[in-house]
Structures are given as C-alpha cells and as structure tokens.
C-alpha atoms as a PDB file:
ATOM      1  CA  UNK A   1     119.092  13.327  33.037  1.00  0.00           C
ATOM      2  CA  UNK A   2     119.474  12.681  37.442  1.00  0.00           C
ATOM      3  CA  UNK A   3     121.024  15.832  38.262  1.00  0.00           C
ATOM      4  CA  UNK A   4     122.931  17.657  41.342  1.00  0.00           C
ATOM      5  CA  UNK A   5     123.094  21.319  41.869  1.00  0.00           C
ATOM      6  CA  UNK A   6     126.402  21.778  44.487  1.00  0.00           C
ATOM      7  CA  UNK A   7     125.830  24.837  46.672  1.00  0.00           C
ATOM      8  CA  UNK A   8     129.293  25.436  48.543  1.00  0.00           C
ATOM      9  CA  UNK A   9     128.452  28.006  51.798  1.00  0.00           C
ATOM     10  CA  UNK A  10     130.406  29.626  54.463  1.00  0.00           C
ATOM     11  CA  UNK A  11     128.155  31.931  56.604  1.00  0.00           C
ATOM     12  CA  UNK A  12     125.388  32.383  54.089  1.00  0.00           C
ATOM     13  CA  UNK A  13     122.708  31.877  56.732  1.00  0.00           C
ATOM     14  CA  UNK A  14     120.918  35.253  54.991  1.00  0.00           C
ATOM     15  CA  UNK A  15     120.261  33.993  51.832  1.00  0.00           C
ATOM     16  CA  UNK A  16     120.590  30.301  51.975  1.00  0.00           C
ATOM     17  CA  UNK A  17     116.702  29.631  51.966  1.00  0.00           C
ATOM     18  CA  UNK A  18     115.946  31.755  49.332  1.00  0.00           C
ATOM     19  CA  UNK A  19     118.614  30.179  47.084  1.00  0.00           C
ATOM     20  CA  UNK A  20     117.427  26.827  48.037  1.00  0.00           C
ATOM     21  CA  UNK A  21     113.713  27.481  47.396  1.00  0.00           C
ATOM     22  CA  UNK A  22     114.516  29.440  43.892  1.00  0.00           C
ATOM     23  CA  UNK A  23     116.979  26.021  42.664  1.00  0.00           C
ATOM     24  CA  UNK A  24     114.117  23.761  43.697  1.00  0.00           C
ATOM     25  CA  UNK A  25     111.382  26.023  41.580  1.00  0.00           C
ATOM     26  CA  UNK A  26     113.485  26.543  38.715  1.00  0.00           C
ATOM     27  CA  UNK A  27     114.934  22.737  38.328  1.00  0.00           C
ATOM     28  CA  UNK A  28     111.942  20.688  39.814  1.00  0.00           C
ATOM     29  CA  UNK A  29     113.598  17.476  38.634  1.00  0.00           C
ATOM     30  CA  UNK A  30     116.858  17.927  40.535  1.00  0.00           C
ATOM     31  CA  UNK A  31     118.632  17.434  44.097  1.00  0.00           C
ATOM     32  CA  UNK A  32     120.851  20.228  45.895  1.00  0.00           C
ATOM     33  CA  UNK A  33     123.782  19.558  47.894  1.00  0.00           C
ATOM     34  CA  UNK A  34     124.877  22.310  50.531  1.00  0.00           C
ATOM     35  CA  UNK A  35     128.775  21.663  50.981  1.00  0.00           C
ATOM     36  CA  UNK A  36     128.772  23.921  54.401  1.00  0.00           C
ATOM     37  CA  UNK A  37     132.386  24.808  55.960  1.00  0.00           C
ATOM     38  CA  UNK A  38     131.116  24.790  59.860  1.00  0.00           C
ATOM     39  CA  UNK A  39     129.573  28.407  59.106  1.00  0.00           C
ATOM     40  CA  UNK A  40     129.170  29.963  62.701  1.00  0.00           C
ATOM     41  CA  UNK A  41     126.070  31.788  61.402  1.00  0.00           C
ATOM     42  CA  UNK A  42     123.944  28.689  61.167  1.00  0.00           C
ATOM     43  CA  UNK A  43     123.660  28.009  57.470  1.00  0.00           C
ATOM     44  CA  UNK A  44     123.838  24.488  58.164  1.00  0.00           C
ATOM     45  CA  UNK A  45     120.747  24.717  60.600  1.00  0.00           C
ATOM     46  CA  UNK A  46     118.963  26.571  58.117  1.00  0.00           C
ATOM     47  CA  UNK A  47     119.581  23.872  55.521  1.00  0.00           C
ATOM     48  CA  UNK A  48     118.554  20.815  57.729  1.00  0.00           C
ATOM     49  CA  UNK A  49     115.598  22.639  58.871  1.00  0.00           C
ATOM     50  CA  UNK A  50     114.363  23.381  55.057  1.00  0.00           C
ATOM     51  CA  UNK A  51     110.877  21.480  54.048  1.00  0.00           C
ATOM     52  CA  UNK A  52     112.817  19.455  51.438  1.00  0.00           C
ATOM     53  CA  UNK A  53     115.982  18.703  53.588  1.00  0.00           C
ATOM     54  CA  UNK A  54     116.521  14.598  53.159  1.00  0.00           C
ATOM     55  CA  UNK A  55     114.200  14.441  50.153  1.00  0.00           C
ATOM     56  CA  UNK A  56     115.773  16.610  47.174  1.00  0.00           C
ATOM     57  CA  UNK A  57     118.027  18.797  49.591  1.00  0.00           C
ATOM     58  CA  UNK A  58     120.888  17.297  51.603  1.00  0.00           C
ATOM     59  CA  UNK A  59     123.960  18.821  53.368  1.00  0.00           C
ATOM     60  CA  UNK A  60     127.364  17.776  53.287  1.00  0.00           C
ATOM     61  CA  UNK A  61     129.282  19.412  56.784  1.00  0.00           C
ATOM     62  CA  UNK A  62     133.334  19.891  56.723  1.00  0.00           C
ATOM     63  CA  UNK A  63     135.111  20.535  60.116  1.00  0.00           C
ATOM     64  CA  UNK A  64     137.149  23.011  58.167  1.00  0.00           C
ATOM     65  CA  UNK A  65     137.252  25.954  55.937  1.00  0.00           C
ATOM     66  CA  UNK A  66     140.007  25.360  53.366  1.00  0.00           C
ATOM     67  CA  UNK A  67     138.423  27.145  50.329  1.00  0.00           C
ATOM     68  CA  UNK A  68     136.004  27.088  47.162  1.00  0.00           C
ATOM     69  CA  UNK A  69     138.028  24.661  45.581  1.00  0.00           C
ATOM     70  CA  UNK A  70     137.816  22.034  48.455  1.00  0.00           C
ATOM     71  CA  UNK A  71     134.131  22.537  48.675  1.00  0.00           C
ATOM     72  CA  UNK A  72     133.460  21.819  45.345  1.00  0.00           C
ATOM     73  CA  UNK A  73     136.174  18.720  45.294  1.00  0.00           C
ATOM     74  CA  UNK A  74     133.911  17.150  48.084  1.00  0.00           C
ATOM     75  CA  UNK A  75     130.853  18.155  46.506  1.00  0.00           C
ATOM     76  CA  UNK A  76     131.684  16.613  43.405  1.00  0.00           C
ATOM     77  CA  UNK A  77     132.958  13.121  45.066  1.00  0.00           C
ATOM     78  CA  UNK A  78     129.524  13.148  46.760  1.00  0.00           C
ATOM     79  CA  UNK A  79     127.876  13.163  43.807  1.00  0.00           C
ATOM     80  CA  UNK A  80     129.873  10.826  41.378  1.00  0.00           C
ATOM     81  CA  UNK A  81     129.617   8.126  44.189  1.00  0.00           C
ATOM     82  CA  UNK A  82     125.930   8.322  44.278  1.00  0.00           C
ATOM     83  CA  UNK A  83     126.045   8.442  40.158  1.00  0.00           C
ATOM     84  CA  UNK A  84     124.551  11.389  39.345  1.00  0.00           C
ATOM     85  CA  UNK A  85     124.472  12.110  35.337  1.00  0.00           C
ATOM     86  CA  UNK A  86     124.874  16.022  35.641  1.00  0.00           C
ATOM     87  CA  UNK A  87     126.477  17.712  37.998  1.00  0.00           C
ATOM     88  CA  UNK A  88     125.765  22.017  38.382  1.00  0.00           C
ATOM     89  CA  UNK A  89     127.929  24.360  40.268  1.00  0.00           C
ATOM     90  CA  UNK A  90     126.779  27.561  41.620  1.00  0.00           C
ATOM     91  CA  UNK A  91     127.059  29.880  44.022  1.00  0.00           C
ATOM     92  CA  UNK A  92     124.222  30.485  47.159  1.00  0.00           C
ATOM     93  CA  UNK A  93     123.819  34.076  47.165  1.00  0.00           C
ATOM     94  CA  UNK A  94     121.566  34.306  43.851  1.00  0.00           C
ATOM     95  CA  UNK A  95     124.593  35.910  42.071  1.00  0.00           C
ATOM     96  CA  UNK A  96     123.742  33.178  39.595  1.00  0.00           C
ATOM     97  CA  UNK A  97     120.196  32.658  38.480  1.00  0.00           C
ATOM     98  CA  UNK A  98     118.666  29.565  39.372  1.00  0.00           C
ATOM     99  CA  UNK A  99     116.401  30.178  36.058  1.00  0.00           C
ATOM    100  CA  UNK A 100     119.476  29.436  33.886  1.00  0.00           C
ATOM    101  CA  UNK A 101     119.814  26.134  35.468  1.00  0.00           C
ATOM    102  CA  UNK A 102     117.885  24.110  33.120  1.00  0.00           C
ATOM    103  CA  UNK A 103     119.206  25.866  30.380  1.00  0.00           C
ATOM    104  CA  UNK A 104     122.983  24.508  31.375  1.00  0.00           C
ATOM    105  CA  UNK A 105     121.371  21.624  31.758  1.00  0.00           C
ATOM    106  CA  UNK A 106     120.189  21.219  28.244  1.00  0.00           C
ATOM    107  CA  UNK A 107     123.525  22.683  26.517  1.00  0.00           C
ATOM    108  CA  UNK A 108     125.069  19.511  27.600  1.00  0.00           C
ATOM    109  CA  UNK A 109     123.174  17.490  24.851  1.00  0.00           C
ATOM    110  CA  UNK A 110     125.584  18.757  22.954  1.00  0.00           C
ATOM    111  CA  UNK A 111     128.782  19.489  24.958  1.00  0.00           C
ATOM    112  CA  UNK A 112     130.598  17.845  27.956  1.00  0.00           C
ATOM    113  CA  UNK A 113     130.825  21.558  29.750  1.00  0.00           C
ATOM    114  CA  UNK A 114     128.187  24.126  29.932  1.00  0.00           C
ATOM    115  CA  UNK A 115     129.479  27.480  31.431  1.00  0.00           C
ATOM    116  CA  UNK A 116     126.945  29.982  32.469  1.00  0.00           C
ATOM    117  CA  UNK A 117     128.836  33.031  30.753  1.00  0.00           C
ATOM    118  CA  UNK A 118     128.545  36.733  31.650  1.00  0.00           C
ATOM    119  CA  UNK A 119     130.868  37.929  28.415  1.00  0.00           C
ATOM    120  CA  UNK A 120     129.107  36.109  25.483  1.00  0.00           C
ATOM    121  CA  UNK A 121     125.957  37.926  23.545  1.00  0.00           C
ATOM    122  CA  UNK A 122     122.941  37.880  25.977  1.00  0.00           C
ATOM    123  CA  UNK A 123     125.142  37.775  28.760  1.00  0.00           C
ATOM    124  CA  UNK A 124     126.172  40.573  31.522  1.00  0.00           C
ATOM    125  CA  UNK A 125     126.384  41.665  35.027  1.00  0.00           C
ATOM    126  CA  UNK A 126     124.169  44.194  37.542  1.00  0.00           C
ATOM    127  CA  UNK A 127     125.361  46.367  40.391  1.00  0.00           C
ATOM    128  CA  UNK A 128     128.770  45.915  39.501  1.00  0.00           C
ATOM    129  CA  UNK A 129     131.204  48.853  39.980  1.00  0.00           C
ATOM    130  CA  UNK A 130     132.908  50.218  36.926  1.00  0.00           C
ATOM    131  CA  UNK A 131     136.417  49.168  38.827  1.00  0.00           C
ATOM    132  CA  UNK A 132     134.889  45.616  39.374  1.00  0.00           C
ATOM    133  CA  UNK A 133     133.808  44.867  35.800  1.00  0.00           C
ATOM    134  CA  UNK A 134     137.106  46.399  34.606  1.00  0.00           C
ATOM    135  CA  UNK A 135     138.776  43.586  37.084  1.00  0.00           C
ATOM    136  CA  UNK A 136     137.084  40.879  35.860  1.00  0.00           C
ATOM    137  CA  UNK A 137     137.445  41.577  32.266  1.00  0.00           C
ATOM    138  CA  UNK A 138     140.748  42.287  32.681  1.00  0.00           C
ATOM    139  CA  UNK A 139     141.383  38.947  34.516  1.00  0.00           C
ATOM    140  CA  UNK A 140     139.528  36.660  31.747  1.00  0.00           C
ATOM    141  CA  UNK A 141     141.726  38.561  28.891  1.00  0.00           C
ATOM    142  CA  UNK A 142     144.413  37.404  31.028  1.00  0.00           C
ATOM    143  CA  UNK A 143     143.539  33.841  31.553  1.00  0.00           C
ATOM    144  CA  UNK A 144     142.503  33.437  27.630  1.00  0.00           C
ATOM    145  CA  UNK A 145     146.049  35.240  26.539  1.00  0.00           C
ATOM    146  CA  UNK A 146     148.560  33.260  28.688  1.00  0.00           C
ATOM    147  CA  UNK A 147     146.778  29.613  28.270  1.00  0.00           C
ATOM    148  CA  UNK A 148     145.493  30.277  24.835  1.00  0.00           C
ATOM    149  CA  UNK A 149     141.486  29.323  25.854  1.00  0.00           C
ATOM    150  CA  UNK A 150     138.704  30.242  23.633  1.00  0.00           C
ATOM    151  CA  UNK A 151     136.496  30.217  26.689  1.00  0.00           C
ATOM    152  CA  UNK A 152     135.101  33.997  27.071  1.00  0.00           C
ATOM    153  CA  UNK A 153     134.498  33.544  30.921  1.00  0.00           C
ATOM    154  CA  UNK A 154     136.828  31.222  32.562  1.00  0.00           C
ATOM    155  CA  UNK A 155     136.579  32.550  35.638  1.00  0.00           C
ATOM    156  CA  UNK A 156     132.787  31.738  35.860  1.00  0.00           C
ATOM    157  CA  UNK A 157     131.421  29.574  39.048  1.00  0.00           C
ATOM    158  CA  UNK A 158     128.029  28.865  37.417  1.00  0.00           C
ATOM    159  CA  UNK A 159     128.778  25.555  35.347  1.00  0.00           C
ATOM    160  CA  UNK A 160     127.468  21.920  34.479  1.00  0.00           C
ATOM    161  CA  UNK A 161     129.483  19.108  33.989  1.00  0.00           C
ATOM    162  CA  UNK A 162     128.471  15.567  32.349  1.00  0.00           C
ATOM    163  CA  UNK A 163     129.536  13.013  35.077  1.00  0.00           C
ATOM    164  CA  UNK A 164     131.932  11.224  32.584  1.00  0.00           C
ATOM    165  CA  UNK A 165     133.573  15.000  31.660  1.00  0.00           C
ATOM    166  CA  UNK A 166     134.008  15.401  35.627  1.00  0.00           C
ATOM    167  CA  UNK A 167     135.675  12.082  35.506  1.00  0.00           C
ATOM    168  CA  UNK A 168     137.776  12.712  32.373  1.00  0.00           C
ATOM    169  CA  UNK A 169     138.934  16.364  33.519  1.00  0.00           C
ATOM    170  CA  UNK A 170     140.130  15.109  36.748  1.00  0.00           C
ATOM    171  CA  UNK A 171     138.292  17.742  39.089  1.00  0.00           C
ATOM    172  CA  UNK A 172     138.866  15.511  41.732  1.00  0.00           C
ATOM    173  CA  UNK A 173     142.439  15.864  41.353  1.00  0.00           C
ATOM    174  CA  UNK A 174     142.611  19.848  41.222  1.00  0.00           C
ATOM    175  CA  UNK A 175     144.626  21.885  43.404  1.00  0.00           C
ATOM    176  CA  UNK A 176     143.204  24.943  43.208  1.00  0.00           C
ATOM    177  CA  UNK A 177     140.822  26.522  45.482  1.00  0.00           C
ATOM    178  CA  UNK A 178     139.442  30.389  44.589  1.00  0.00           C
ATOM    179  CA  UNK A 179     138.839  31.882  41.005  1.00  0.00           C
ATOM    180  CA  UNK A 180     141.821  29.443  40.152  1.00  0.00           C
ATOM    181  CA  UNK A 181     139.714  26.665  40.413  1.00  0.00           C
ATOM    182  CA  UNK A 182     137.481  27.665  37.689  1.00  0.00           C
ATOM    183  CA  UNK A 183     140.385  28.318  35.537  1.00  0.00           C
ATOM    184  CA  UNK A 184     141.800  25.064  36.399  1.00  0.00           C
ATOM    185  CA  UNK A 185     138.852  23.358  35.167  1.00  0.00           C
ATOM    186  CA  UNK A 186     138.445  25.242  31.926  1.00  0.00           C
ATOM    187  CA  UNK A 187     142.030  24.563  31.414  1.00  0.00           C
ATOM    188  CA  UNK A 188     142.153  21.047  32.047  1.00  0.00           C
ATOM    189  CA  UNK A 189     138.604  20.308  29.774  1.00  0.00           C
ATOM    190  CA  UNK A 190     140.036  22.273  26.788  1.00  0.00           C
ATOM    191  CA  UNK A 191     143.739  20.117  26.745  1.00  0.00           C
ATOM    192  CA  UNK A 192     142.044  16.804  26.912  1.00  0.00           C
ATOM    193  CA  UNK A 193     139.862  17.593  24.279  1.00  0.00           C
ATOM    194  CA  UNK A 194     136.511  18.223  26.124  1.00  0.00           C
ATOM    195  CA  UNK A 195     133.606  20.448  24.206  1.00  0.00           C
ATOM    196  CA  UNK A 196     133.025  23.490  26.052  1.00  0.00           C
ATOM    197  CA  UNK A 197     129.820  25.839  25.638  1.00  0.00           C
ATOM    198  CA  UNK A 198     128.900  29.271  27.056  1.00  0.00           C
ATOM    199  CA  UNK A 199     125.305  29.845  28.175  1.00  0.00           C
ATOM    200  CA  UNK A 200     124.441  33.739  28.471  1.00  0.00           C
ATOM    201  CA  UNK A 201     123.517  34.625  32.104  1.00  0.00           C
ATOM    202  CA  UNK A 202     123.108  37.793  33.866  1.00  0.00           C
ATOM    203  CA  UNK A 203     125.330  37.788  36.902  1.00  0.00           C
ATOM    204  CA  UNK A 204     123.769  40.053  40.055  1.00  0.00           C
ATOM    205  CA  UNK A 205     126.052  41.169  42.923  1.00  0.00           C
ATOM    206  CA  UNK A 206     125.054  39.625  45.938  1.00  0.00           C
ATOM    207  CA  UNK A 207     122.373  41.884  48.324  1.00  0.00           C
ATOM    208  CA  UNK A 208     123.067  39.911  51.322  1.00  0.00           C
ATOM    209  CA  UNK A 209     126.220  38.390  53.016  1.00  0.00           C
ATOM    210  CA  UNK A 210     129.749  39.500  52.395  1.00  0.00           C
ATOM    211  CA  UNK A 211     132.143  38.243  49.206  1.00  0.00           C
ATOM    212  CA  UNK A 212     134.559  35.886  49.812  1.00  0.00           C
ATOM    213  CA  UNK A 213     136.993  37.473  47.241  1.00  0.00           C
ATOM    214  CA  UNK A 214     140.513  38.540  48.723  1.00  0.00           C
ATOM    215  CA  UNK A 215     143.988  39.573  47.656  1.00  0.00           C
ATOM    216  CA  UNK A 216     145.342  35.662  48.124  1.00  0.00           C
ATOM    217  CA  UNK A 217     142.620  34.660  45.821  1.00  0.00           C
ATOM    218  CA  UNK A 218     143.528  36.716  43.344  1.00  0.00           C
ATOM    219  CA  UNK A 219     147.243  35.838  43.804  1.00  0.00           C
ATOM    220  CA  UNK A 220     146.509  32.569  43.425  1.00  0.00           C
ATOM    221  CA  UNK A 221     145.058  32.803  40.413  1.00  0.00           C
ATOM    222  CA  UNK A 222     147.382  34.969  38.752  1.00  0.00           C
ATOM    223  CA  UNK A 223     150.403  32.355  39.551  1.00  0.00           C
ATOM    224  CA  UNK A 224     148.757  29.443  38.995  1.00  0.00           C
ATOM    225  CA  UNK A 225     147.740  30.461  35.530  1.00  0.00           C
ATOM    226  CA  UNK A 226     151.411  31.478  34.761  1.00  0.00           C
ATOM    227  CA  UNK A 227     152.954  27.927  36.668  1.00  0.00           C
ATOM    228  CA  UNK A 228     150.117  25.757  34.399  1.00  0.00           C
ATOM    229  CA  UNK A 229     151.776  27.855  30.863  1.00  0.00           C
ATOM    230  CA  UNK A 230     155.339  27.263  31.952  1.00  0.00           C
ATOM    231  CA  UNK A 231     154.723  23.692  32.540  1.00  0.00           C
ATOM    232  CA  UNK A 232     153.434  23.312  29.299  1.00  0.00           C
ATOM    233  CA  UNK A 233     156.086  25.403  27.559  1.00  0.00           C
ATOM    234  CA  UNK A 234     158.871  23.447  29.378  1.00  0.00           C
ATOM    235  CA  UNK A 235     157.046  20.240  28.489  1.00  0.00           C
ATOM    236  CA  UNK A 236     156.963  21.064  24.834  1.00  0.00           C
ATOM    237  CA  UNK A 237     153.183  20.129  24.918  1.00  0.00           C
ATOM    238  CA  UNK A 238     149.821  21.765  25.733  1.00  0.00           C
ATOM    239  CA  UNK A 239     148.538  19.280  27.841  1.00  0.00           C
ATOM    240  CA  UNK A 240     147.921  18.509  31.941  1.00  0.00           C
ATOM    241  CA  UNK A 241     149.408  16.015  34.236  1.00  0.00           C
ATOM    242  CA  UNK A 242     148.215  12.531  34.103  1.00  0.00           C
ATOM    243  CA  UNK A 243     144.684  12.323  35.688  1.00  0.00           C
ATOM    244  CA  UNK A 244     143.775  10.018  38.372  1.00  0.00           C
ATOM    245  CA  UNK A 245     141.224   8.449  36.413  1.00  0.00           C
ATOM    246  CA  UNK A 246     143.645   7.829  33.664  1.00  0.00           C
ATOM    247  CA  UNK A 247     146.384   6.417  36.184  1.00  0.00           C
ATOM    248  CA  UNK A 248     143.849   3.735  37.660  1.00  0.00           C
ATOM    249  CA  UNK A 249     142.135   2.779  34.619  1.00  0.00           C
ATOM    250  CA  UNK A 250     138.955   4.729  35.058  1.00  0.00           C
END
C-alpha cells in the first residue's frame, strides 16, 4: 500500500537526520513528510538537505507553533490530498522504533487503526523513571475508565491509519493538541465502530533534544476526557459529533 510517515517537528535538529535515515531503511516503500513549525534551530534546513529530499522525503513548513494536534492535522490533510493509502504518525526523536513501521502497516490488513503499544504483551519502555512510568500508566487507566475504551495505550503517538479510517473518524475535525489529540482519535474510532489493534513496541526515551511535555498538555487531556464523557452522558448515547465527511457526504 502507498504509505506516508508523518513526523511533526519543533527544534529537532539534533535527531531529525538519524530519524529520517532509520525510517527510510525500515520502511523502504514509504514516503516521509516532516511537518515543521518554523523551528528556530534549523530543523527544516536539515530536512531539505537530506539526500532523499524531494524523492521520498518532503517538508511542510508552518509559520506558527500551535501544537502537536495542529501539526498532525496539517500532515494528514497533505497525505489525503495526495491519495496515500496508509498514514503513519510518529515522533522525531527515535522514541518510536522505526523498525516497527512494517508491523503497524501489516496490522492494517485486518484493522482500521494500528497503535504501537507499550502496554500489551511484548511492549515496554526504556530509560523512564518510576515516576514517569506511574504517570503514564495512571493516565491510560484514567482514559480507559472514564471513556470505557478497550485500548491499553490510548495516549500512544505511534500509529497507522487506513486512509478511509482517517476520513471516517474525522481526524481533521479534531480540536485537541497534545496527548489529548491521540486520545481523541482513539475515542472517535471506538465510537464509530472502527477496529483498532495494538502492536507491541518498546518506547525508548529521547536521548537528544527536549521533551515537549508540559503541565498544560496534561491538563488539556484531563479536561477534554471529562468533557467528552459528559457530552455522551448528557446526550444519552456513546457517540461523537457529526463528522465533516458525514456532513458533506464524503
């Protein structure tokens, strides 16, 4: 299948070249789109000077830094316009193992969405403190309990979507930015009956660059999860708002 790997970046100059090389080696049939939010450290220039730029690697530069969700929505829209069959999303710091891209894509033979999961048998994390492990586990337990999801790693950012699934779940109409963006797409997929499978991965904490995690990102996730569940309870049904594709008959 025609596959695009979408990688959002902001100040990832220290690791972007290694990430691009690893993705190209692990997924030789895939193209790569870097969505860069005008990184002041020259990330975009490194992408443009890569030997595969313009052939398998492409760059979408955005003027403003408006969050992870905004970057992915822009990347997804770019992919859909160009009729890619499969869209993979991943981080730029090698925390998501590029070697697992083929497994995610293969999982779409029997599923609509494939999640690279830390919390299924065979999955795990490396170089995390006990505190961070506890926070991540607690966050996923909170999401699963409040929204009633079967997915074990709802906050995971390493995913693959079939083109039609991305359209049906209305990812371009989502409003979340940080980890809430991952949760929102998981919730939307669940509520419209898409099949989601979890592929075990080992998540390795970044060794270069700085984490974009912040208190605001955590607060957004907590508040939005409650709001989505309250919306369902108020409406008396488990669903999501009418999606753009449904409104326009897509």
